[in-house]
C-alpha atoms as a PDB file:
ATOM      1  CA  MET A   1     -19.178-282.911-110.325  1.00  0.00           C
ATOM      2  CA  ILE A   2     -18.281-279.333-109.344  1.00  0.00           C
ATOM      3  CA  ALA A   3     -21.347-279.125-107.084  1.00  0.00           C
ATOM      4  CA  SER A   4     -20.346-282.384-105.439  1.00  0.00           C
ATOM      5  CA  THR A   5     -16.821-281.068-104.759  1.00  0.00           C
ATOM      6  CA  LYS A   6     -18.158-277.840-103.256  1.00  0.00           C
ATOM      7  CA  LYS A   7     -20.485-279.832-101.025  1.00  0.00           C
ATOM      8  CA  LEU A   8     -17.572-281.981 -99.831  1.00  0.00           C
ATOM      9  CA  ARG A   9     -15.427-278.908 -99.083  1.00  0.00           C
ATOM     10  CA  SER A  10     -18.313-277.371 -97.140  1.00  0.00           C
ATOM     11  CA  SER A  11     -18.746-280.517 -95.075  1.00  0.00           C
ATOM     12  CA  LEU A  12     -15.012-280.673 -94.293  1.00  0.00           C
ATOM     13  CA  LEU A  13     -14.995-277.011 -93.277  1.00  0.00           C
ATOM     14  CA  LYS A  14     -17.926-277.519 -90.906  1.00  0.00           C
ATOM     15  CA  ALA A  15     -16.272-280.585 -89.392  1.00  0.00           C
ATOM     16  CA  SER A  16     -12.986-278.725 -88.869  1.00  0.00           C
ATOM     17  CA  THR A  17     -14.783-275.810 -87.245  1.00  0.00           C
ATOM     18  CA  LEU A  18     -16.708-278.142 -84.921  1.00  0.00           C
ATOM     19  CA  LEU A  19     -13.469-279.922 -83.958  1.00  0.00           C
ATOM     20  CA  LEU A  20     -11.750-276.627 -83.068  1.00  0.00           C
ATOM     21  CA  VAL A  21     -14.711-275.437 -80.980  1.00  0.00           C
ATOM     22  CA  THR A  22     -14.947-278.778 -79.176  1.00  0.00           C
ATOM     23  CA  SER A  23     -11.205-278.805 -78.453  1.00  0.00           C
ATOM     24  CA  SER A  24     -11.423-275.257 -77.123  1.00  0.00           C
ATOM     25  CA  ILE A  25     -14.234-276.229 -74.763  1.00  0.00           C
ATOM     26  CA  LEU A  26     -12.254-279.216 -73.498  1.00  0.00           C
ATOM     27  CA  ILE A  27      -9.027-277.345 -72.735  1.00  0.00           C
ATOM     28  CA  THR A  28     -10.283-273.881 -71.723  1.00  0.00           C
ATOM     29  CA  PRO A  29     -11.527-273.555 -68.125  1.00  0.00           C
ATOM     30  CA  THR A  30     -14.883-271.961 -67.522  1.00  0.00           C
ATOM     31  CA  ILE A  31     -15.088-268.661 -65.664  1.00  0.00           C
ATOM     32  CA  SER A  32     -16.302-270.424 -62.515  1.00  0.00           C
ATOM     33  CA  GLU A  33     -13.427-272.906 -62.679  1.00  0.00           C
ATOM     34  CA  ALA A  34     -10.920-270.081 -63.065  1.00  0.00           C
ATOM     35  CA  VAL A  35     -12.403-268.225 -60.105  1.00  0.00           C
ATOM     36  CA  ASN A  36     -12.554-271.305 -57.898  1.00  0.00           C
ATOM     37  CA  SER A  37      -9.006-272.393 -58.664  1.00  0.00           C
ATOM     38  CA  LYS A  38      -7.122-271.155 -55.605  1.00  0.00           C
ATOM     39  CA  LYS A  39      -3.676-272.363 -56.584  1.00  0.00           C
ATOM     40  CA  PRO A  40      -2.524-272.717 -60.186  1.00  0.00           C
ATOM     41  CA  GLN A  41      -0.169-275.486 -61.142  1.00  0.00           C
ATOM     42  CA  LEU A  42       3.376-274.267 -60.919  1.00  0.00           C
ATOM     43  CA  SER A  43       6.384-275.230 -62.949  1.00  0.00           C
ATOM     44  CA  ASN A  44       9.681-275.901 -61.223  1.00  0.00           C
ATOM     45  CA  SER A  45      10.961-272.413 -61.997  1.00  0.00           C
ATOM     46  CA  GLU A  46       7.837-270.760 -60.559  1.00  0.00           C
ATOM     47  CA  MET A  47       8.003-272.343 -57.114  1.00  0.00           C
ATOM     48  CA  THR A  48       8.550-269.719 -54.434  1.00  0.00           C
ATOM     49  CA  LYS A  49       7.586-271.259 -51.081  1.00  0.00           C
ATOM     50  CA  TYR A  50      11.051-272.655 -50.374  1.00  0.00           C
ATOM     51  CA  PRO A  51      14.518-271.811 -51.752  1.00  0.00           C
ATOM     52  CA  ALA A  52      15.747-273.675 -54.826  1.00  0.00           C
ATOM     53  CA  GLU A  53      18.238-275.753 -52.824  1.00  0.00           C
ATOM     54  CA  ILE A  54      15.498-276.974 -50.477  1.00  0.00           C
ATOM     55  CA  ILE A  55      13.140-277.736 -53.365  1.00  0.00           C
ATOM     56  CA  LYS A  56      15.853-279.712 -55.140  1.00  0.00           C
ATOM     57  CA  GLY A  57      16.486-281.858 -52.060  1.00  0.00           C
ATOM     58  CA  ILE A  58      12.804-282.450 -51.370  1.00  0.00           C
ATOM     59  CA  ARG A  59      12.189-283.374 -54.998  1.00  0.00           C
ATOM     60  CA  LEU A  60      15.059-285.883 -54.879  1.00  0.00           C
ATOM     61  CA  THR A  61      13.623-287.521 -51.756  1.00  0.00           C
ATOM     62  CA  LEU A  62      10.130-287.770 -53.239  1.00  0.00           C
ATOM     63  CA  ARG A  63      11.441-289.318 -56.445  1.00  0.00           C
ATOM     64  CA  ILE A  64      13.387-291.964 -54.518  1.00  0.00           C
ATOM     65  CA  GLU A  65      10.709-292.750 -51.948  1.00  0.00           C
ATOM     66  CA  LYS A  66       7.859-292.828 -54.464  1.00  0.00           C
ATOM     67  CA  HIS A  67       9.972-294.892 -56.900  1.00  0.00           C
ATOM     68  CA  GLY A  68       9.373-292.404 -59.690  1.00  0.00           C
ATOM     69  CA  ARG A  69       5.594-292.840 -59.619  1.00  0.00           C
ATOM     70  CA  LEU A  70       4.920-289.123 -59.212  1.00  0.00           C
ATOM     71  CA  THR A  71       4.846-286.800 -62.207  1.00  0.00           C
ATOM     72  CA  PRO A  72       6.823-283.531 -62.039  1.00  0.00           C
ATOM     73  CA  ILE A  73       3.551-281.622 -61.616  1.00  0.00           C
ATOM     74  CA  GLU A  74       2.472-283.879 -58.746  1.00  0.00           C
ATOM     75  CA  ILE A  75       5.830-283.397 -57.036  1.00  0.00           C
ATOM     76  CA  THR A  76       5.541-279.619 -57.430  1.00  0.00           C
ATOM     77  CA  GLU A  77       2.041-279.619 -55.928  1.00  0.00           C
ATOM     78  CA  GLN A  78       3.159-281.767 -52.994  1.00  0.00           C
ATOM     79  CA  ILE A  79       6.047-279.425 -52.194  1.00  0.00           C
ATOM     80  CA  GLU A  80       3.873-276.315 -52.418  1.00  0.00           C
ATOM     81  CA  ASN A  81       1.380-277.876 -49.981  1.00  0.00           C
ATOM     82  CA  MET A  82       3.996-279.175 -47.525  1.00  0.00           C
ATOM     83  CA  SER A  83       4.023-277.865 -43.981  1.00  0.00           C
ATOM     84  CA  LYS A  84       7.352-276.517 -42.791  1.00  0.00           C
ATOM     85  CA  VAL A  85       7.840-279.545 -40.528  1.00  0.00           C
ATOM     86  CA  ASN A  86       7.235-281.946 -43.411  1.00  0.00           C
ATOM     87  CA  ALA A  87       9.525-279.936 -45.680  1.00  0.00           C
ATOM     88  CA  MET A  88      12.313-280.024 -43.107  1.00  0.00           C
ATOM     89  CA  ASP A  89      11.948-283.775 -42.576  1.00  0.00           C
ATOM     90  CA  THR A  90      11.843-284.522 -46.289  1.00  0.00           C
ATOM     91  CA  TYR A  91      14.795-282.303 -47.114  1.00  0.00           C
ATOM     92  CA  ILE A  92      16.979-283.746 -44.359  1.00  0.00           C
ATOM     93  CA  ARG A  93      16.311-287.245 -45.673  1.00  0.00           C
ATOM     94  CA  SER A  94      17.994-286.132 -48.907  1.00  0.00           C
ATOM     95  CA  PHE A  95      21.031-284.732 -47.120  1.00  0.00           C
ATOM     96  CA  PRO A  96      23.937-287.182 -47.486  1.00  0.00           C
ATOM     97  CA  ASN A  97      26.374-285.668 -44.991  1.00  0.00           C
ATOM     98  CA  ASP A  98      26.453-285.334 -41.214  1.00  0.00           C
ATOM     99  CA  LEU A  99      24.110-282.633 -39.960  1.00  0.00           C
ATOM    100  CA  THR A 100      26.299-280.234 -38.008  1.00  0.00           C
ATOM    101  CA  GLY A 101      24.760-277.491 -35.908  1.00  0.00           C
ATOM    102  CA  SER A 102      25.597-274.778 -38.429  1.00  0.00           C
ATOM    103  CA  ARG A 103      24.005-276.772 -41.264  1.00  0.00           C
ATOM    104  CA  VAL A 104      20.844-277.398 -39.248  1.00  0.00           C
ATOM    105  CA  ARG A 105      20.549-273.716 -38.397  1.00  0.00           C
ATOM    106  CA  GLU A 106      20.945-272.877 -42.080  1.00  0.00           C
ATOM    107  CA  ILE A 107      18.143-275.321 -42.983  1.00  0.00           C
ATOM    108  CA  VAL A 108      15.886-273.774 -40.329  1.00  0.00           C
ATOM    109  CA  HIS A 109      16.558-270.340 -41.784  1.00  0.00           C
ATOM    110  CA  GLN A 110      15.885-271.538 -45.334  1.00  0.00           C
ATOM    111  CA  ILE A 111      12.581-273.210 -44.474  1.00  0.00           C
ATOM    112  CA  TYR A 112      11.229-271.214 -41.508  1.00  0.00           C
ATOM    113  CA  LYS A 113      12.991-267.878 -42.124  1.00  0.00           C
ATOM    114  CA  ILE A 114      14.073-268.043 -38.458  1.00  0.00           C
ATOM    115  CA  ASP A 115      17.639-267.000 -37.663  1.00  0.00           C
ATOM    116  CA  LEU A 116      18.741-269.150 -34.720  1.00  0.00           C
ATOM    117  CA  ASP A 117      22.238-267.641 -34.784  1.00  0.00           C
ATOM    118  CA  ALA A 118      20.702-264.182 -34.358  1.00  0.00           C
ATOM    119  CA  ILE A 119      18.734-265.470 -31.370  1.00  0.00           C
ATOM    120  CA  SER A 120      21.986-266.865 -29.968  1.00  0.00           C
ATOM    121  CA  ASP A 121      23.875-263.600 -30.549  1.00  0.00           C
ATOM    122  CA  LEU A 122      21.052-261.684 -28.887  1.00  0.00           C
ATOM    123  CA  GLY A 123      21.233-263.949 -25.873  1.00  0.00           C
ATOM    124  CA  ALA A 124      17.535-264.563 -26.347  1.00  0.00           C
ATOM    125  CA  GLY A 125      15.556-267.719 -25.858  1.00  0.00           C
ATOM    126  CA  THR A 126      14.219-269.546 -22.872  1.00  0.00           C
ATOM    127  CA  LYS A 127      15.278-267.949 -19.595  1.00  0.00           C
ATOM    128  CA  GLN A 128      16.632-270.699 -17.400  1.00  0.00           C
ATOM    129  CA  SER A 129      19.286-271.049 -14.718  1.00  0.00           C
ATOM    130  CA  VAL A 130      20.438-274.397 -16.119  1.00  0.00           C
ATOM    131  CA  TYR A 131      19.662-276.370 -19.262  1.00  0.00           C
ATOM    132  CA  PRO A 132      17.483-279.495 -18.996  1.00  0.00           C
ATOM    133  CA  ASP A 133      19.217-282.775 -18.102  1.00  0.00           C
ATOM    134  CA  GLN A 134      18.690-284.026 -21.659  1.00  0.00           C
ATOM    135  CA  ILE A 135      21.051-281.307 -22.878  1.00  0.00           C
ATOM    136  CA  THR A 136      23.639-281.334 -20.105  1.00  0.00           C
ATOM    137  CA  LYS A 137      24.015-285.124 -19.952  1.00  0.00           C
ATOM    138  CA  ALA A 138      24.579-285.318 -23.699  1.00  0.00           C
ATOM    139  CA  ILE A 139      27.185-282.541 -23.734  1.00  0.00           C
ATOM    140  CA  LYS A 140      29.004-284.060 -20.780  1.00  0.00           C
ATOM    141  CA  GLN A 141      29.863-286.976 -23.047  1.00  0.00           C
ATOM    142  CA  VAL A 142      32.002-284.764 -25.319  1.00  0.00           C
ATOM    143  CA  VAL A 143      33.567-282.301 -22.857  1.00  0.00           C
ATOM    144  CA  ASP A 144      35.679-283.129 -19.817  1.00  0.00           C
ATOM    145  CA  VAL A 145      34.712-280.608 -17.139  1.00  0.00           C
ATOM    146  CA  ASP A 146      33.741-280.899 -13.482  1.00  0.00           C
ATOM    147  CA  ASP A 147      30.920-278.343 -13.431  1.00  0.00           C
ATOM    148  CA  ILE A 148      28.988-278.938 -16.637  1.00  0.00           C
ATOM    149  CA  ASP A 149      26.269-276.411 -15.788  1.00  0.00           C
ATOM    150  CA  SER A 150      28.765-273.550 -15.331  1.00  0.00           C
ATOM    151  CA  TYR A 151      30.607-274.573 -18.481  1.00  0.00           C
ATOM    152  CA  ILE A 152      27.451-274.601 -20.589  1.00  0.00           C
ATOM    153  CA  HIS A 153      26.242-271.356 -19.031  1.00  0.00           C
ATOM    154  CA  ASN A 154      29.235-269.564 -20.583  1.00  0.00           C
ATOM    155  CA  LEU A 155      28.512-270.903 -24.054  1.00  0.00           C
ATOM    156  CA  SER A 156      26.294-269.311 -26.666  1.00  0.00           C
ATOM    157  CA  LYS A 157      23.144-271.205 -27.565  1.00  0.00           C
ATOM    158  CA  SER A 158      24.581-272.048 -30.982  1.00  0.00           C
ATOM    159  CA  GLU A 159      27.655-273.538 -29.292  1.00  0.00           C
ATOM    160  CA  VAL A 160      25.421-275.573 -26.983  1.00  0.00           C
ATOM    161  CA  MET A 161      23.557-276.889 -30.008  1.00  0.00           C
ATOM    162  CA  ASP A 162      26.816-277.766 -31.777  1.00  0.00           C
ATOM    163  CA  LEU A 163      28.031-279.832 -28.823  1.00  0.00           C
ATOM    164  CA  TYR A 164      24.659-281.509 -28.384  1.00  0.00           C
ATOM    165  CA  LEU A 165      24.590-282.706 -32.000  1.00  0.00           C
ATOM    166  CA  GLU A 166      28.224-283.773 -31.751  1.00  0.00           C
ATOM    167  CA  SER A 167      27.355-285.991 -28.783  1.00  0.00           C
ATOM    168  CA  TYR A 168      24.987-287.891 -31.083  1.00  0.00           C
ATOM    169  CA  HIS A 169      27.601-288.046 -33.856  1.00  0.00           C
ATOM    170  CA  TYR A 170      25.389-285.763 -35.964  1.00  0.00           C
ATOM    171  CA  GLU A 171      22.878-288.559 -36.555  1.00  0.00           C
ATOM    172  CA  LEU A 172      19.750-287.255 -34.844  1.00  0.00           C
ATOM    173  CA  ALA A 173      16.360-287.587 -36.526  1.00  0.00           C
ATOM    174  CA  PRO A 174      14.723-284.297 -37.608  1.00  0.00           C
ATOM    175  CA  SER A 175      12.069-284.581 -34.874  1.00  0.00           C
ATOM    176  CA  ALA A 176      14.797-285.005 -32.216  1.00  0.00           C
ATOM    177  CA  ILE A 177      16.664-282.013 -33.642  1.00  0.00           C
ATOM    178  CA  ARG A 178      13.517-279.885 -33.295  1.00  0.00           C
ATOM    179  CA  VAL A 179      13.139-280.983 -29.662  1.00  0.00           C
ATOM    180  CA  ALA A 180      16.732-279.894 -29.006  1.00  0.00           C
ATOM    181  CA  ILE A 181      16.129-276.527 -30.698  1.00  0.00           C
ATOM    182  CA  ASN A 182      13.137-275.939 -28.442  1.00  0.00           C
ATOM    183  CA  LEU A 183      15.086-276.900 -25.305  1.00  0.00           C
ATOM    184  CA  ILE A 184      18.063-274.718 -26.217  1.00  0.00           C
ATOM    185  CA  PHE A 185      16.543-271.733 -28.050  1.00  0.00           C
ATOM    186  CA  GLY A 186      12.967-271.854 -26.764  1.00  0.00           C
ATOM    187  CA  THR A 187      11.795-272.059 -30.381  1.00  0.00           C
ATOM    188  CA  ASN A 188       9.106-274.665 -31.002  1.00  0.00           C
ATOM    189  CA  LEU A 189       9.362-275.418 -34.724  1.00  0.00           C
ATOM    190  CA  ASP A 190       6.526-277.957 -34.640  1.00  0.00           C
ATOM    191  CA  GLY A 191       4.171-275.411 -33.098  1.00  0.00           C
ATOM    192  CA  ILE A 192       5.345-272.638 -35.417  1.00  0.00           C
ATOM    193  CA  SER A 193       4.580-274.815 -38.433  1.00  0.00           C
ATOM    194  CA  THR A 194       0.918-274.984 -37.390  1.00  0.00           C
ATOM    195  CA  LEU A 195       0.679-271.178 -37.443  1.00  0.00           C
ATOM    196  CA  GLU A 196       1.095-270.985 -41.203  1.00  0.00           C
ATOM    197  CA  ASN A 197      -2.053-269.372 -42.693  1.00  0.00           C
ATOM    198  CA  SER A 198      -3.588-269.269 -39.194  1.00  0.00           C
ATOM    199  CA  GLY A 199      -4.186-265.525 -39.133  1.00  0.00           C
ATOM    200  CA  ILE A 200      -1.747-265.064 -36.239  1.00  0.00           C
ATOM    201  CA  GLY A 201       1.498-263.151 -36.521  1.00  0.00           C
ATOM    202  CA  LEU A 202       4.211-264.170 -34.060  1.00  0.00           C
ATOM    203  CA  PHE A 203       7.074-261.862 -33.138  1.00  0.00           C
ATOM    204  CA  SER A 204       9.545-263.434 -30.747  1.00  0.00           C
ATOM    205  CA  LYS A 205      13.204-263.175 -29.770  1.00  0.00           C
ATOM    206  CA  GLY A 206      13.766-260.065 -31.851  1.00  0.00           C
ATOM    207  CA  GLN A 207      12.362-261.313 -35.170  1.00  0.00           C
ATOM    208  CA  TRP A 208       9.186-262.286 -36.969  1.00  0.00           C
ATOM    209  CA  ILE A 209       8.651-266.012 -36.542  1.00  0.00           C
ATOM    210  CA  ASN A 210       5.392-266.095 -38.499  1.00  0.00           C
ATOM    211  CA  GLN A 211       3.786-263.268 -40.450  1.00  0.00           C
ATOM    212  CA  SER A 212       1.442-262.650 -43.370  1.00  0.00           C
ATOM    213  CA  SER A 213      -0.413-259.672 -44.806  1.00  0.00           C
ATOM    214  CA  GLU A 214      -3.755-261.131 -43.660  1.00  0.00           C
ATOM    215  CA  ASP A 215      -2.908-261.772 -40.017  1.00  0.00           C
ATOM    216  CA  LEU A 216      -5.647-260.667 -37.634  1.00  0.00           C
ATOM    217  CA  PHE A 217      -3.780-260.741 -34.325  1.00  0.00           C
ATOM    218  CA  VAL A 218      -0.159-260.461 -33.244  1.00  0.00           C
ATOM    219  CA  VAL A 219       1.402-262.388 -30.381  1.00  0.00           C
ATOM    220  CA  HIS A 220       4.524-260.496 -29.339  1.00  0.00           C
ATOM    221  CA  THR A 221       6.863-262.059 -26.784  1.00  0.00           C
ATOM    222  CA  SER A 222       9.961-260.670 -25.125  1.00  0.00           C
ATOM    223  CA  ASP A 223      13.422-261.960 -25.975  1.00  0.00           C
ATOM    224  CA  ASP A 224      13.311-264.433 -23.097  1.00  0.00           C
ATOM    225  CA  ASP A 225       9.576-265.267 -23.345  1.00  0.00           C
ATOM    226  CA  VAL A 226       8.952-263.901 -19.834  1.00  0.00           C
ATOM    227  CA  ASP A 227       6.116-261.676 -20.986  1.00  0.00           C
ATOM    228  CA  VAL A 228       3.593-261.694 -23.837  1.00  0.00           C
ATOM    229  CA  LYS A 229       1.398-259.057 -25.420  1.00  0.00           C
ATOM    230  CA  ILE A 230      -1.455-259.530 -27.874  1.00  0.00           C
ATOM    231  CA  TYR A 231      -2.973-256.898 -30.119  1.00  0.00           C
ATOM    232  CA  PRO A 232      -4.986-256.605 -33.374  1.00  0.00           C
ATOM    233  CA  THR A 233      -3.296-255.923 -36.701  1.00  0.00           C
ATOM    234  CA  ASP A 234      -4.063-252.992 -38.998  1.00  0.00           C
ATOM    235  CA  TYR A 235      -5.586-255.544 -41.386  1.00  0.00           C
ATOM    236  CA  PHE A 236      -7.998-256.656 -38.652  1.00  0.00           C
ATOM    237  CA  LYS A 237      -8.943-253.055 -37.861  1.00  0.00           C
ATOM    238  CA  LYS A 238      -9.589-252.264 -41.509  1.00  0.00           C
ATOM    239  CA  ARG A 239     -11.527-255.466 -42.092  1.00  0.00           C
ATOM    240  CA  THR A 240     -13.747-255.262 -39.007  1.00  0.00           C
ATOM    241  CA  GLY A 241     -13.886-251.567 -38.171  1.00  0.00           C
ATOM    242  CA  LEU A 242     -12.777-252.393 -34.611  1.00  0.00           C
ATOM    243  CA  ASP A 243      -9.838-250.632 -32.945  1.00  0.00           C
ATOM    244  CA  GLU A 244      -9.349-253.283 -30.272  1.00  0.00           C
ATOM    245  CA  LEU A 245      -9.740-257.001 -29.722  1.00  0.00           C
ATOM    246  CA  PRO A 246     -13.341-258.261 -29.749  1.00  0.00           C
ATOM    247  CA  SER A 247     -14.887-258.112 -26.270  1.00  0.00           C
ATOM    248  CA  ASP A 248     -15.533-261.872 -26.027  1.00  0.00           C
ATOM    249  CA  LEU A 249     -11.912-262.579 -26.974  1.00  0.00           C
ATOM    250  CA  GLN A 250     -10.798-260.103 -24.319  1.00  0.00           C
ATOM    251  CA  ASP A 251     -12.826-262.028 -21.727  1.00  0.00           C
ATOM    252  CA  SER A 252     -11.226-265.313 -22.767  1.00  0.00           C
ATOM    253  CA  LEU A 253      -7.729-263.828 -22.500  1.00  0.00           C
ATOM    254  CA  LYS A 254      -8.541-262.486 -19.021  1.00  0.00           C
ATOM    255  CA  GLU A 255      -9.424-266.014 -17.954  1.00  0.00           C
ATOM    256  CA  LEU A 256      -5.897-267.080 -18.958  1.00  0.00           C
ATOM    257  CA  GLY A 257      -4.385-264.317 -16.821  1.00  0.00           C
ATOM    258  CA  TYR A 258      -3.975-261.515 -19.367  1.00  0.00           C
ATOM    259  CA  TYR A 259      -5.014-257.934 -18.611  1.00  0.00           C
ATOM    260  CA  PHE A 260      -5.218-254.798 -20.728  1.00  0.00           C
ATOM    261  CA  ASN A 261      -2.067-252.742 -20.286  1.00  0.00           C
ATOM    262  CA  LYS A 262      -2.904-249.140 -21.173  1.00  0.00           C
ATOM    263  CA  GLU A 263       0.743-248.109 -21.483  1.00  0.00           C
ATOM    264  CA  ILE A 264       1.426-250.513 -24.338  1.00  0.00           C
ATOM    265  CA  GLY A 265      -2.154-250.693 -25.669  1.00  0.00           C
ATOM    266  CA  ALA A 266      -2.273-254.465 -25.672  1.00  0.00           C
ATOM    267  CA  TYR A 267      -3.393-257.432 -23.617  1.00  0.00           C
ATOM    268  CA  TYR A 268      -0.447-258.409 -21.498  1.00  0.00           C
ATOM    269  CA  TYR A 269       0.830-261.290 -19.391  1.00  0.00           C
ATOM    270  CA  ALA A 270       4.082-261.646 -17.458  1.00  0.00           C
ATOM    271  CA  ASP A 271       5.262-264.694 -15.582  1.00  0.00           C
ATOM    272  CA  PRO A 272       5.014-263.852 -11.861  1.00  0.00           C
ATOM    273  CA  HIS A 273       8.323-265.599 -11.113  1.00  0.00           C
ATOM    274  CA  GLY A 274      10.292-263.960 -13.913  1.00  0.00           C
ATOM    275  CA  GLN A 275      10.725-267.229 -15.803  1.00  0.00           C
ATOM    276  CA  SER A 276       9.899-267.965 -19.425  1.00  0.00           C
ATOM    277  CA  VAL A 277       6.259-268.888 -19.842  1.00  0.00           C
ATOM    278  CA  PRO A 278       5.950-272.650 -20.383  1.00  0.00           C
ATOM    279  CA  ASP A 279       5.034-274.224 -23.702  1.00  0.00           C
ATOM    280  CA  SER A 280       1.694-275.264 -22.214  1.00  0.00           C
ATOM    281  CA  PHE A 281       0.749-271.607 -21.619  1.00  0.00           C
ATOM    282  CA  LYS A 282       1.922-270.627 -25.098  1.00  0.00           C
ATOM    283  CA  GLY A 283      -0.176-273.473 -26.477  1.00  0.00           C
ATOM    284  CA  GLN A 284      -3.251-272.316 -24.563  1.00  0.00           C
ATOM    285  CA  THR A 285      -2.841-268.783 -25.861  1.00  0.00           C
ATOM    286  CA  LEU A 286      -2.298-269.752 -29.489  1.00  0.00           C
ATOM    287  CA  GLY A 287      -5.025-272.401 -29.319  1.00  0.00           C
ATOM    288  CA  LEU A 288      -7.482-269.818 -28.016  1.00  0.00           C
ATOM    289  CA  LEU A 289      -6.650-267.378 -30.836  1.00  0.00           C
ATOM    290  CA  ILE A 290      -6.699-270.034 -33.566  1.00  0.00           C
ATOM    291  CA  GLY A 291     -10.064-271.330 -32.318  1.00  0.00           C
ATOM    292  CA  TYR A 292     -11.501-267.818 -32.207  1.00  0.00           C
ATOM    293  CA  ILE A 293     -10.369-267.039 -35.750  1.00  0.00           C
ATOM    294  CA  SER A 294     -11.706-270.360 -37.008  1.00  0.00           C
ATOM    295  CA  THR A 295     -15.109-269.681 -35.442  1.00  0.00           C
ATOM    296  CA  ASN A 296     -15.493-266.006 -36.299  1.00  0.00           C
ATOM    297  CA  TYR A 297     -13.263-265.248 -39.281  1.00  0.00           C
ATOM    298  CA  SER A 298     -13.005-268.467 -41.276  1.00  0.00           C
ATOM    299  CA  ASP A 299     -13.692-266.524 -44.508  1.00  0.00           C
ATOM    300  CA  ARG A 300     -10.858-264.056 -44.016  1.00  0.00           C
END
């Protein structure tokens, strides 16, 4: 009887041990899984990509639009992987009140870290004698002046934005707001969103528009976007052992009209007519750099 009891206890002990080992295997990641996991799951309190107010609004929108089908973890992962454009759109859909100019500029600062009011105070942005018709015609609906161009010319860019949104009764879609920001401030938020994790740092209008510790090249524009200079980062120099841009990239930039300016130690381009370089030229430049990084430094 005693022997039988001991045998039973031994069997139960072995079974318990096996259960613990099996459970441990099921819930503990292997070394390879831990290494290959690029982004751990984050709790609400650990999210850092966007400010808490923005996260709260985005989460509210996702819950409503997905009819509660997403788990909290799934919502967190979606927010962490959102582009800045998507985050702005999703957050604005949660915003119950009219979107005044000051509120929009605050949202841009919260999501993009771009200070549009600072650009306005600096008098920076697209250099133009008059604003596009899309802007002037809209503002003319809310102000009673004979010479709309002269009137607008004496306003700050933030004031121009305020009047433009007022003309639409503060009911513009996020995409239309971004178009207006580009026309008024010369700041292309859609294009800037694509630079995230691209390896390109962008300094424009007196502030960093996009920057990370692993950027390879910097595109540096003047306050009014009339001239542009491109140079390698310290990270690029350390990583590659090169002190200048790769020779084949230099050749490609020369084809766009850039030349090496010895005084500033960078590849340089200035609009021959003293006007802001057009979005198409900016797109060509950034597209060239993004393509080069993708081809030659995809493992950075």
